Amino acid sequence: RTFRIRVEAFGRTLSADDKKRAMDLLQPMFDGDEICNLQDPDTTIWALEEHEHNPGLKTHLGLRSSTPQSCYLARQVAGGRSLDKYLKSGEKAYFQRYDLSQRAVLGPTTLDNELAFIMANCAQVQAGQVAM
């Protein structure tokens, strides 16, 4: 089985060194014979950090504290195609046909293609139906 680790933070921008340190902390979880595959892994592990946002400072990210308020470790069980604009076979994801840059007419109420598909999914619109 193959895997990859993705490290993200909320309230702070992580440098490559910060992400490497977070990945090194996860090393005891592995035996050492696992195969890392960044393109098409069987399992994706997310390491998420939540940092305090201090709006009183002049930077848009606030205080760069080295200690996160909360840390989360999760295994991704499903993924949307919006993370990767192309499918595993190299073809474009279905919603890319409706990308705003590909449309002939853009009006003031034009909705982003991904948001339009989310809204249609929430409304449970079926093929051949019209939603207004």
Protein backbone atom coordinates (compact mmCIF):
# COMPACT_ATOMS: atom_id res chain seq x y z
CA ARG A 1 0.00 0.00 0.00
CA THR A 2 1.18 3.49 -0.81
CA PHE A 3 0.66 6.71 1.13
CA ARG A 4 1.30 10.42 1.19
CA ILE A 5 1.22 12.99 3.98
CA ARG A 6 -0.23 16.48 3.53
CA VAL A 7 0.45 19.16 6.15
CA GLU A 8 -1.65 22.33 6.36
CA ALA A 9 -2.16 25.07 8.94
CA PHE A 10 -4.95 27.51 9.67
CA GLY A 11 -3.99 30.96 10.99
CA ARG A 12 -0.41 30.65 9.86
CA THR A 13 1.58 29.92 6.72
CA LEU A 14 3.88 26.93 7.09
CA SER A 15 7.29 26.91 5.48
CA ALA A 16 8.71 23.79 3.86
CA ASP A 17 10.86 23.23 6.97
CA ASP A 18 7.76 23.45 9.21
CA LYS A 19 6.00 20.86 7.06
CA LYS A 20 9.06 18.59 7.13
CA ARG A 21 9.18 18.79 10.94
CA ALA A 22 5.50 17.85 11.15
CA MET A 23 6.08 14.87 8.84
CA ASP A 24 9.06 13.76 10.93
CA LEU A 25 6.83 13.71 14.02
CA LEU A 26 4.65 11.13 12.25
CA GLN A 27 7.57 8.79 11.56
CA PRO A 28 6.85 6.45 14.54
CA MET A 29 3.53 5.53 12.87
CA PHE A 30 5.34 3.73 10.07
CA ASP A 31 7.36 0.51 9.99
CA GLY A 32 9.73 1.76 7.32
CA ASP A 33 8.77 -0.55 4.47
CA GLU A 34 5.83 1.56 3.24
CA ILE A 35 6.00 3.17 -0.19
CA CYS A 36 5.44 6.89 -0.56
CA ASN A 37 3.53 7.88 -3.71
CA LEU A 38 2.69 11.57 -4.06
CA GLN A 39 0.78 11.25 -7.35
CA ASP A 40 -1.60 8.33 -6.77
CA PRO A 41 -1.50 7.11 -3.14
CA ASP A 42 -3.78 4.48 -1.64
CA THR A 43 -3.95 6.48 1.60
CA THR A 44 -3.61 10.21 2.24
CA ILE A 45 -2.86 11.33 5.78
CA TRP A 46 -3.58 14.95 6.74
CA ALA A 47 -1.76 16.69 9.57
CA LEU A 48 -3.65 19.90 10.38
CA GLU A 49 -2.58 22.65 12.78
CA GLU A 50 -4.77 25.44 14.11
CA HIS A 51 -2.94 28.57 15.21
CA GLU A 52 -4.28 31.59 17.07
CA HIS A 53 -5.11 34.52 14.82
CA ASN A 54 -4.18 37.86 16.38
CA PRO A 55 -5.84 40.64 14.33
CA GLY A 56 -4.19 43.35 16.47
CA LEU A 57 -0.87 42.92 14.67
CA LYS A 58 -0.11 44.53 11.32
CA THR A 59 0.52 41.30 9.42
CA HIS A 60 -2.44 39.63 7.74
CA LEU A 61 -1.64 36.32 9.45
CA GLY A 62 -1.23 37.70 12.95
CA LEU A 63 1.29 36.44 15.47
CA ARG A 64 3.55 33.68 14.16
CA SER A 65 3.32 31.47 17.22
CA SER A 66 5.33 28.28 17.07
CA THR A 67 2.84 26.35 19.21
CA PRO A 68 -0.49 25.50 17.59
CA GLN A 69 -3.71 25.69 19.59
CA SER A 70 -4.90 22.36 18.21
CA CYS A 71 -3.49 19.59 16.05
CA TYR A 72 -5.50 17.08 14.07
CA LEU A 73 -4.42 13.91 12.33
CA ALA A 74 -6.83 12.42 9.82
CA ARG A 75 -7.03 9.85 7.07
CA GLN A 76 -8.70 11.05 3.91
CA VAL A 77 -11.61 8.77 3.04
CA ALA A 78 -12.86 10.64 -0.04
CA GLY A 79 -11.57 13.43 -2.21
CA GLY A 80 -13.08 15.95 -4.53
CA ARG A 81 -11.70 16.51 -7.97
CA SER A 82 -11.14 20.18 -7.22
CA LEU A 83 -7.80 19.40 -5.56
CA ASP A 84 -6.53 17.87 -8.75
CA LYS A 85 -7.85 19.42 -11.95
CA TYR A 86 -7.12 16.22 -13.87
CA LEU A 87 -8.24 12.66 -13.29
CA LYS A 88 -5.77 9.84 -12.72
CA SER A 89 -5.94 8.91 -16.39
CA GLY A 90 -4.83 12.43 -17.38
CA GLU A 91 -8.15 13.60 -18.76
CA LYS A 92 -9.78 16.78 -17.47
CA ALA A 93 -12.30 16.50 -14.64
CA TYR A 94 -15.91 16.88 -15.79
CA PHE A 95 -16.42 20.33 -14.26
CA GLN A 96 -13.44 21.82 -16.11
CA ARG A 97 -15.57 21.95 -19.28
CA TYR A 98 -17.61 24.66 -17.53
CA ASP A 99 -14.68 26.74 -16.25
CA LEU A 100 -15.33 30.50 -16.30
CA SER A 101 -12.41 31.12 -18.64
CA GLN A 102 -14.02 28.75 -21.19
CA ARG A 103 -17.42 30.44 -21.23
CA ALA A 104 -18.45 32.60 -24.17
CA VAL A 105 -20.50 35.04 -22.07
CA LEU A 106 -19.80 36.19 -18.52
CA GLY A 107 -22.49 38.18 -16.77
CA PRO A 108 -22.62 39.87 -13.36
CA THR A 109 -24.38 36.85 -11.87
CA THR A 110 -22.17 34.15 -13.42
CA LEU A 111 -21.56 31.43 -10.85
CA ASP A 112 -18.26 29.60 -10.46
CA ASN A 113 -18.46 26.11 -11.96
CA GLU A 114 -17.49 24.21 -8.80
CA LEU A 115 -19.99 26.13 -6.66
CA ALA A 116 -22.71 25.53 -9.24
CA PHE A 117 -22.12 21.77 -9.08
CA ILE A 118 -22.18 21.83 -5.26
CA MET A 119 -25.48 23.73 -5.26
CA ALA A 120 -26.99 21.35 -7.84
CA ASN A 121 -25.88 18.40 -5.71
CA CYS A 122 -27.46 19.92 -2.57
CA ALA A 123 -30.73 20.48 -4.49
CA GLN A 124 -30.57 16.87 -5.77
CA VAL A 125 -31.10 18.00 -9.36
CA GLN A 126 -31.40 15.09 -11.76
CA ALA A 127 -30.49 14.90 -15.45
CA GLY A 128 -33.05 16.75 -17.57
CA GLN A 129 -34.35 18.89 -14.69
CA VAL A 130 -34.13 22.67 -14.53
CA ALA A 131 -33.47 24.50 -11.25
CA MET A 132 -34.22 28.19 -10.85
